[in-house]
Amino acid sequence: MHFDRELDVKGLNCPLPILRTKKALSEMSPGEVLHVLATDPGSVKDFQAFARQTGNELLSGADLNQALPTAIFEFYLKRK
């Protein structure tokens, strides 16, 4: 998927992935897409709630490495 900016928040736990995502989105233009990589298992629900509460669109969320000891979660958010 095409994205305009990437944010790596692997190794960070709640609430840091959301806070860094919020900051990154605030620096982007409406319609631009942010690609986020995270390792916090709670980030799946956190990003869903974040999108609902802020109006930014969660285009995709997936677990990239289900077989590895540490899962990597990938999210694409479109700035409102």
PDB file of N, CA and C in Angstrom:
ATOM      1  N   MET A   1       0.844  -1.180   0.000  1.00  0.00           N
ATOM      2  CA  MET A   1       0.000   0.000   0.000  1.00  0.00           C
ATOM      3  C   MET A   1       0.890   1.243   0.000  1.00  0.00           C
ATOM      4  N   HIS A   2       0.465   2.242  -0.728  1.00  0.00           N
ATOM      5  CA  HIS A   2       1.198   3.509  -0.785  1.00  0.00           C
ATOM      6  C   HIS A   2       1.064   4.242   0.545  1.00  0.00           C
ATOM      7  N   PHE A   3       2.143   4.843   1.007  1.00  0.00           N
ATOM      8  CA  PHE A   3       2.082   5.680   2.202  1.00  0.00           C
ATOM      9  C   PHE A   3       3.016   6.866   2.026  1.00  0.00           C
ATOM     10  N   ASP A   4       2.732   7.923   2.775  1.00  0.00           N
ATOM     11  CA  ASP A   4       3.495   9.162   2.665  1.00  0.00           C
ATOM     12  C   ASP A   4       4.567   9.292   3.739  1.00  0.00           C
ATOM     13  N   ARG A   5       4.370   8.593   4.842  1.00  0.00           N
ATOM     14  CA  ARG A   5       5.318   8.681   5.947  1.00  0.00           C
ATOM     15  C   ARG A   5       5.279   7.366   6.735  1.00  0.00           C
ATOM     16  N   GLU A   6       6.414   6.998   7.306  1.00  0.00           N
ATOM     17  CA  GLU A   6       6.478   5.773   8.106  1.00  0.00           C
ATOM     18  C   GLU A   6       6.895   6.117   9.531  1.00  0.00           C
ATOM     19  N   LEU A   7       6.302   5.404  10.487  1.00  0.00           N
ATOM     20  CA  LEU A   7       6.603   5.603  11.899  1.00  0.00           C
ATOM     21  C   LEU A   7       6.896   4.245  12.524  1.00  0.00           C
ATOM     22  N   ASP A   8       8.075   4.103  13.115  1.00  0.00           N
ATOM     23  CA  ASP A   8       8.480   2.859  13.761  1.00  0.00           C
ATOM     24  C   ASP A   8       8.375   3.052  15.273  1.00  0.00           C
ATOM     25  N   VAL A   9       7.397   2.378  15.880  1.00  0.00           N
ATOM     26  CA  VAL A   9       7.223   2.455  17.332  1.00  0.00           C
ATOM     27  C   VAL A   9       7.410   1.074  17.972  1.00  0.00           C
ATOM     28  N   LYS A  10       8.177   0.221  17.292  1.00  0.00           N
ATOM     29  CA  LYS A  10       8.454  -1.108  17.829  1.00  0.00           C
ATOM     30  C   LYS A  10       9.213  -0.960  19.147  1.00  0.00           C
ATOM     31  N   GLY A  11       8.863  -1.797  20.114  1.00  0.00           N
ATOM     32  CA  GLY A  11       9.512  -1.766  21.413  1.00  0.00           C
ATOM     33  C   GLY A  11       8.865  -0.818  22.410  1.00  0.00           C
ATOM     34  N   LEU A  12       7.939  -0.001  21.944  1.00  0.00           N
ATOM     35  CA  LEU A  12       7.253   0.942  22.839  1.00  0.00           C
ATOM     36  C   LEU A  12       5.906   0.366  23.275  1.00  0.00           C
ATOM     37  N   ASN A  13       5.517   0.649  24.506  1.00  0.00           N
ATOM     38  CA  ASN A  13       4.245   0.178  25.029  1.00  0.00           C
ATOM     39  C   ASN A  13       3.280   1.340  25.209  1.00  0.00           C
ATOM     40  N   CYS A  14       2.010   0.990  25.342  1.00  0.00           N
ATOM     41  CA  CYS A  14       0.934   1.949  25.534  1.00  0.00           C
ATOM     42  C   CYS A  14       1.282   2.910  26.667  1.00  0.00           C
ATOM     43  N   PRO A  15       1.091   4.174  26.468  1.00  0.00           N
ATOM     44  CA  PRO A  15       0.386   4.865  25.384  1.00  0.00           C
ATOM     45  C   PRO A  15       1.317   5.438  24.313  1.00  0.00           C
ATOM     46  N   LEU A  16       2.614   5.147  24.372  1.00  0.00           N
ATOM     47  CA  LEU A  16       3.571   5.790  23.461  1.00  0.00           C
ATOM     48  C   LEU A  16       3.292   5.576  21.971  1.00  0.00           C
ATOM     49  N   PRO A  17       2.920   4.360  21.509  1.00  0.00           N
ATOM     50  CA  PRO A  17       2.639   4.234  20.064  1.00  0.00           C
ATOM     51  C   PRO A  17       1.537   5.179  19.583  1.00  0.00           C
ATOM     52  N   ILE A  18       0.485   5.320  20.379  1.00  0.00           N
ATOM     53  CA  ILE A  18      -0.620   6.212  19.997  1.00  0.00           C
ATOM     54  C   ILE A  18      -0.183   7.671  20.064  1.00  0.00           C
ATOM     55  N   LEU A  19       0.544   8.029  21.105  1.00  0.00           N
ATOM     56  CA  LEU A  19       0.990   9.425  21.231  1.00  0.00           C
ATOM     57  C   LEU A  19       1.912   9.826  20.088  1.00  0.00           C
ATOM     58  N   ARG A  20       2.821   8.955  19.702  1.00  0.00           N
ATOM     59  CA  ARG A  20       3.727   9.260  18.583  1.00  0.00           C
ATOM     60  C   ARG A  20       2.971   9.293  17.262  1.00  0.00           C
ATOM     61  N   THR A  21       1.968   8.428  17.128  1.00  0.00           N
ATOM     62  CA  THR A  21       1.138   8.428  15.920  1.00  0.00           C
ATOM     63  C   THR A  21       0.353   9.728  15.824  1.00  0.00           C
ATOM     64  N   LYS A  22      -0.217  10.147  16.937  1.00  0.00           N
ATOM     65  CA  LYS A  22      -0.982  11.408  16.961  1.00  0.00           C
ATOM     66  C   LYS A  22      -0.098  12.575  16.538  1.00  0.00           C
ATOM     67  N   LYS A  23       1.121  12.621  17.057  1.00  0.00           N
ATOM     68  CA  LYS A  23       2.054  13.692  16.706  1.00  0.00           C
ATOM     69  C   LYS A  23       2.410  13.650  15.219  1.00  0.00           C
ATOM     70  N   ALA A  24       2.701  12.445  14.713  1.00  0.00           N
ATOM     71  CA  ALA A  24       3.064  12.309  13.296  1.00  0.00           C
ATOM     72  C   ALA A  24       1.907  12.741  12.393  1.00  0.00           C
ATOM     73  N   LEU A  25       0.700  12.318  12.721  1.00  0.00           N
ATOM     74  CA  LEU A  25      -0.457  12.695  11.904  1.00  0.00           C
ATOM     75  C   LEU A  25      -0.692  14.203  11.922  1.00  0.00           C
ATOM     76  N   SER A  26      -0.414  14.840  13.053  1.00  0.00           N
ATOM     77  CA  SER A  26      -0.625  16.294  13.146  1.00  0.00           C
ATOM     78  C   SER A  26       0.329  17.061  12.237  1.00  0.00           C
ATOM     79  N   GLU A  27       1.428  16.445  11.869  1.00  0.00           N
ATOM     80  CA  GLU A  27       2.418  17.079  10.990  1.00  0.00           C
ATOM     81  C   GLU A  27       2.168  16.768   9.512  1.00  0.00           C
ATOM     82  N   MET A  28       1.117  15.982   9.227  1.00  0.00           N
ATOM     83  CA  MET A  28       0.818  15.563   7.857  1.00  0.00           C
ATOM     84  C   MET A  28      -0.382  16.335   7.318  1.00  0.00           C
ATOM     85  N   SER A  29      -0.540  16.317   6.009  1.00  0.00           N
ATOM     86  CA  SER A  29      -1.673  16.976   5.356  1.00  0.00           C
ATOM     87  C   SER A  29      -2.865  16.035   5.279  1.00  0.00           C
ATOM     88  N   PRO A  30      -4.084  16.587   5.232  1.00  0.00           N
ATOM     89  CA  PRO A  30      -5.274  15.748   5.082  1.00  0.00           C
ATOM     90  C   PRO A  30      -5.160  14.835   3.855  1.00  0.00           C
ATOM     91  N   GLY A  31      -5.550  13.574   4.031  1.00  0.00           N
ATOM     92  CA  GLY A  31      -5.510  12.606   2.942  1.00  0.00           C
ATOM     93  C   GLY A  31      -4.219  11.820   2.857  1.00  0.00           C
ATOM     94  N   GLU A  32      -3.171  12.273   3.538  1.00  0.00           N
ATOM     95  CA  GLU A  32      -1.913  11.529   3.517  1.00  0.00           C
ATOM     96  C   GLU A  32      -2.027  10.284   4.395  1.00  0.00           C
ATOM     97  N   VAL A  33      -1.211   9.279   4.072  1.00  0.00           N
ATOM     98  CA  VAL A  33      -1.270   7.987   4.754  1.00  0.00           C
ATOM     99  C   VAL A  33      -0.002   7.774   5.572  1.00  0.00           C
ATOM    100  N   LEU A  34      -0.206   7.353   6.823  1.00  0.00           N
ATOM    101  CA  LEU A  34       0.885   7.050   7.741  1.00  0.00           C
ATOM    102  C   LEU A  34       0.975   5.535   7.916  1.00  0.00           C
ATOM    103  N   HIS A  35       2.162   4.993   7.740  1.00  0.00           N
ATOM    104  CA  HIS A  35       2.432   3.561   7.946  1.00  0.00           C
ATOM    105  C   HIS A  35       3.104   3.416   9.299  1.00  0.00           C
ATOM    106  N   VAL A  36       2.523   2.600  10.192  1.00  0.00           N
ATOM    107  CA  VAL A  36       3.039   2.440  11.555  1.00  0.00           C
ATOM    108  C   VAL A  36       3.407   0.982  11.796  1.00  0.00           C
ATOM    109  N   LEU A  37       4.589   0.760  12.379  1.00  0.00           N
ATOM    110  CA  LEU A  37       5.030  -0.573  12.791  1.00  0.00           C
ATOM    111  C   LEU A  37       5.141  -0.579  14.311  1.00  0.00           C
ATOM    112  N   ALA A  38       4.476  -1.548  14.956  1.00  0.00           N
ATOM    113  CA  ALA A  38       4.447  -1.614  16.420  1.00  0.00           C
ATOM    114  C   ALA A  38       4.611  -3.059  16.878  1.00  0.00           C
ATOM    115  N   THR A  39       5.041  -3.248  18.129  1.00  0.00           N
ATOM    116  CA  THR A  39       5.151  -4.584  18.714  1.00  0.00           C
ATOM    117  C   THR A  39       4.219  -4.773  19.903  1.00  0.00           C
ATOM    118  N   ASP A  40       3.601  -3.726  20.384  1.00  0.00           N
ATOM    119  CA  ASP A  40       2.700  -3.819  21.533  1.00  0.00           C
ATOM    120  C   ASP A  40       1.416  -4.543  21.119  1.00  0.00           C
ATOM    121  N   PRO A  41       1.126  -5.718  21.721  1.00  0.00           N
ATOM    122  CA  PRO A  41      -0.087  -6.457  21.344  1.00  0.00           C
ATOM    123  C   PRO A  41      -1.368  -5.650  21.557  1.00  0.00           C
ATOM    124  N   GLY A  42      -1.357  -4.739  22.513  1.00  0.00           N
ATOM    125  CA  GLY A  42      -2.523  -3.899  22.760  1.00  0.00           C
ATOM    126  C   GLY A  42      -2.756  -2.853  21.689  1.00  0.00           C
ATOM    127  N   SER A  43      -1.770  -2.676  20.812  1.00  0.00           N
ATOM    128  CA  SER A  43      -1.891  -1.633  19.785  1.00  0.00           C
ATOM    129  C   SER A  43      -3.026  -1.916  18.807  1.00  0.00           C
ATOM    130  N   VAL A  44      -3.401  -3.171  18.630  1.00  0.00           N
ATOM    131  CA  VAL A  44      -4.483  -3.490  17.693  1.00  0.00           C
ATOM    132  C   VAL A  44      -5.771  -2.796  18.141  1.00  0.00           C
ATOM    133  N   LYS A  45      -6.152  -2.996  19.379  1.00  0.00           N
ATOM    134  CA  LYS A  45      -7.367  -2.346  19.890  1.00  0.00           C
ATOM    135  C   LYS A  45      -7.159  -0.844  20.048  1.00  0.00           C
ATOM    136  N   ASP A  46      -5.943  -0.451  20.443  1.00  0.00           N
ATOM    137  CA  ASP A  46      -5.658   0.974  20.632  1.00  0.00           C
ATOM    138  C   ASP A  46      -5.827   1.758  19.334  1.00  0.00           C
ATOM    139  N   PHE A  47      -5.318   1.220  18.222  1.00  0.00           N
ATOM    140  CA  PHE A  47      -5.407   1.935  16.947  1.00  0.00           C
ATOM    141  C   PHE A  47      -6.845   1.966  16.430  1.00  0.00           C
ATOM    142  N   GLN A  48      -7.613   0.915  16.689  1.00  0.00           N
ATOM    143  CA  GLN A  48      -9.025   0.923  16.296  1.00  0.00           C
ATOM    144  C   GLN A  48      -9.767   2.027  17.048  1.00  0.00           C
ATOM    145  N   ALA A  49      -9.544   2.092  18.348  1.00  0.00           N
ATOM    146  CA  ALA A  49     -10.202   3.122  19.162  1.00  0.00           C
ATOM    147  C   ALA A  49      -9.718   4.517  18.778  1.00  0.00           C
ATOM    148  N   PHE A  50      -8.430   4.658  18.538  1.00  0.00           N
ATOM    149  CA  PHE A  50      -7.859   5.948  18.146  1.00  0.00           C
ATOM    150  C   PHE A  50      -8.522   6.462  16.864  1.00  0.00           C
ATOM    151  N   ALA A  51      -8.673   5.584  15.889  1.00  0.00           N
ATOM    152  CA  ALA A  51      -9.285   5.986  14.616  1.00  0.00           C
ATOM    153  C   ALA A  51     -10.733   6.425  14.829  1.00  0.00           C
ATOM    154  N   ARG A  52     -11.482   5.673  15.619  1.00  0.00           N
ATOM    155  CA  ARG A  52     -12.885   6.032  15.892  1.00  0.00           C
ATOM    156  C   ARG A  52     -12.984   7.378  16.596  1.00  0.00           C
ATOM    157  N   GLN A  53     -12.114   7.602  17.565  1.00  0.00           N
ATOM    158  CA  GLN A  53     -12.200   8.821  18.370  1.00  0.00           C
ATOM    159  C   GLN A  53     -11.701  10.063  17.648  1.00  0.00           C
ATOM    160  N   THR A  54     -10.751   9.909  16.741  1.00  0.00           N
ATOM    161  CA  THR A  54     -10.156  11.081  16.093  1.00  0.00           C
ATOM    162  C   THR A  54     -10.713  11.364  14.703  1.00  0.00           C
ATOM    163  N   GLY A  55     -11.365  10.385  14.093  1.00  0.00           N
ATOM    164  CA  GLY A  55     -11.874  10.573  12.741  1.00  0.00           C
ATOM    165  C   GLY A  55     -10.865  10.255  11.660  1.00  0.00           C
ATOM    166  N   ASN A  56      -9.632   9.900  12.049  1.00  0.00           N
ATOM    167  CA  ASN A  56      -8.663   9.435  11.067  1.00  0.00           C
ATOM    168  C   ASN A  56      -9.055   8.019  10.664  1.00  0.00           C
ATOM    169  N   GLU A  57      -8.831   7.661   9.412  1.00  0.00           N
ATOM    170  CA  GLU A  57      -9.298   6.369   8.906  1.00  0.00           C
ATOM    171  C   GLU A  57      -8.220   5.296   9.042  1.00  0.00           C
ATOM    172  N   LEU A  58      -8.557   4.198   9.724  1.00  0.00           N
ATOM    173  CA  LEU A  58      -7.666   3.047   9.815  1.00  0.00           C
ATOM    174  C   LEU A  58      -7.898   2.216   8.565  1.00  0.00           C
ATOM    175  N   LEU A  59      -6.967   2.312   7.617  1.00  0.00           N
ATOM    176  CA  LEU A  59      -7.123   1.622   6.342  1.00  0.00           C
ATOM    177  C   LEU A  59      -6.823   0.139   6.458  1.00  0.00           C
ATOM    178  N   SER A  60      -5.874  -0.206   7.331  1.00  0.00           N
ATOM    179  CA  SER A  60      -5.451  -1.591   7.451  1.00  0.00           C
ATOM    180  C   SER A  60      -4.719  -1.798   8.758  1.00  0.00           C
ATOM    181  N   GLY A  61      -4.856  -2.987   9.308  1.00  0.00           N
ATOM    182  CA  GLY A  61      -4.111  -3.388  10.493  1.00  0.00           C
ATOM    183  C   GLY A  61      -3.849  -4.879  10.398  1.00  0.00           C
ATOM    184  N   ALA A  62      -2.592  -5.293  10.572  1.00  0.00           N
ATOM    185  CA  ALA A  62      -2.257  -6.704  10.402  1.00  0.00           C
ATOM    186  C   ALA A  62      -1.077  -7.092  11.268  1.00  0.00           C
ATOM    187  N   ASP A  63      -1.012  -8.387  11.590  1.00  0.00           N
ATOM    188  CA  ASP A  63       0.121  -8.976  12.301  1.00  0.00           C
ATOM    189  C   ASP A  63       1.054  -9.534  11.232  1.00  0.00           C
ATOM    190  N   LEU A  64       2.225  -8.931  11.084  1.00  0.00           N
ATOM    191  CA  LEU A  64       3.147  -9.321  10.013  1.00  0.00           C
ATOM    192  C   LEU A  64       3.920 -10.602  10.297  1.00  0.00           C
ATOM    193  N   ASN A  65       4.226 -10.877  11.547  1.00  0.00           N
ATOM    194  CA  ASN A  65       5.126 -11.977  11.887  1.00  0.00           C
ATOM    195  C   ASN A  65       4.507 -12.875  12.941  1.00  0.00           C
ATOM    196  N   GLN A  66       3.459 -13.576  12.599  1.00  0.00           N
ATOM    197  CA  GLN A  66       2.761 -14.417  13.564  1.00  0.00           C
ATOM    198  C   GLN A  66       3.649 -15.539  14.098  1.00  0.00           C
ATOM    199  N   ALA A  67       4.634 -15.997  13.339  1.00  0.00           N
ATOM    200  CA  ALA A  67       5.461 -17.130  13.741  1.00  0.00           C
ATOM    201  C   ALA A  67       6.650 -16.724  14.612  1.00  0.00           C
ATOM    202  N   LEU A  68       6.970 -15.454  14.643  1.00  0.00           N
ATOM    203  CA  LEU A  68       8.118 -15.003  15.428  1.00  0.00           C
ATOM    204  C   LEU A  68       7.738 -14.830  16.893  1.00  0.00           C
ATOM    205  N   PRO A  69       8.733 -14.889  17.779  1.00  0.00           N
ATOM    206  CA  PRO A  69       8.445 -14.686  19.203  1.00  0.00           C
ATOM    207  C   PRO A  69       7.828 -13.320  19.496  1.00  0.00           C
ATOM    208  N   THR A  70       8.241 -12.301  18.775  1.00  0.00           N
ATOM    209  CA  THR A  70       7.677 -10.963  18.951  1.00  0.00           C
ATOM    210  C   THR A  70       6.912 -10.585  17.685  1.00  0.00           C
ATOM    211  N   ALA A  71       5.624 -10.419  17.833  1.00  0.00           N
ATOM    212  CA  ALA A  71       4.795 -10.037  16.689  1.00  0.00           C
ATOM    213  C   ALA A  71       5.079  -8.594  16.303  1.00  0.00           C
ATOM    214  N   ILE A  72       4.965  -8.327  15.015  1.00  0.00           N
ATOM    215  CA  ILE A  72       5.071  -6.958  14.516  1.00  0.00           C
ATOM    216  C   ILE A  72       3.729  -6.616  13.872  1.00  0.00           C
ATOM    217  N   PHE A  73       3.118  -5.570  14.386  1.00  0.00           N
ATOM    218  CA  PHE A  73       1.820  -5.135  13.891  1.00  0.00           C
ATOM    219  C   PHE A  73       2.006  -3.945  12.963  1.00  0.00           C
ATOM    220  N   GLU A  74       1.283  -3.976  11.869  1.00  0.00           N
ATOM    221  CA  GLU A  74       1.400  -2.943  10.835  1.00  0.00           C
ATOM    222  C   GLU A  74       0.045  -2.251  10.685  1.00  0.00           C
ATOM    223  N   PHE A  75       0.086  -0.934  10.676  1.00  0.00           N
ATOM    224  CA  PHE A  75      -1.143  -0.140  10.539  1.00  0.00           C
ATOM    225  C   PHE A  75      -0.952   0.925   9.464  1.00  0.00           C
ATOM    226  N   TYR A  76      -2.026   1.195   8.741  1.00  0.00           N
ATOM    227  CA  TYR A  76      -2.060   2.306   7.784  1.00  0.00           C
ATOM    228  C   TYR A  76      -3.196   3.211   8.208  1.00  0.00           C
ATOM    229  N   LEU A  77      -2.881   4.450   8.486  1.00  0.00           N
ATOM    230  CA  LEU A  77      -3.890   5.429   8.881  1.00  0.00           C
ATOM    231  C   LEU A  77      -3.906   6.584   7.901  1.00  0.00           C
ATOM    232  N   LYS A  78      -5.098   6.978   7.495  1.00  0.00           N
ATOM    233  CA  LYS A  78      -5.270   8.107   6.583  1.00  0.00           C
ATOM    234  C   LYS A  78      -5.708   9.321   7.392  1.00  0.00           C
ATOM    235  N   ARG A  79      -4.960  10.401   7.270  1.00  0.00           N
ATOM    236  CA  ARG A  79      -5.257  11.615   8.039  1.00  0.00           C
ATOM    237  C   ARG A  79      -6.551  12.243   7.531  1.00  0.00           C
ATOM    238  N   LYS A  80      -7.362  12.647   8.498  1.00  0.00           N
ATOM    239  CA  LYS A  80      -8.650  13.284   8.130  1.00  0.00           C
ATOM    240  C   LYS A  80      -8.435  14.686   7.621  1.00  0.00           C
TER     241      LYS A  80
END
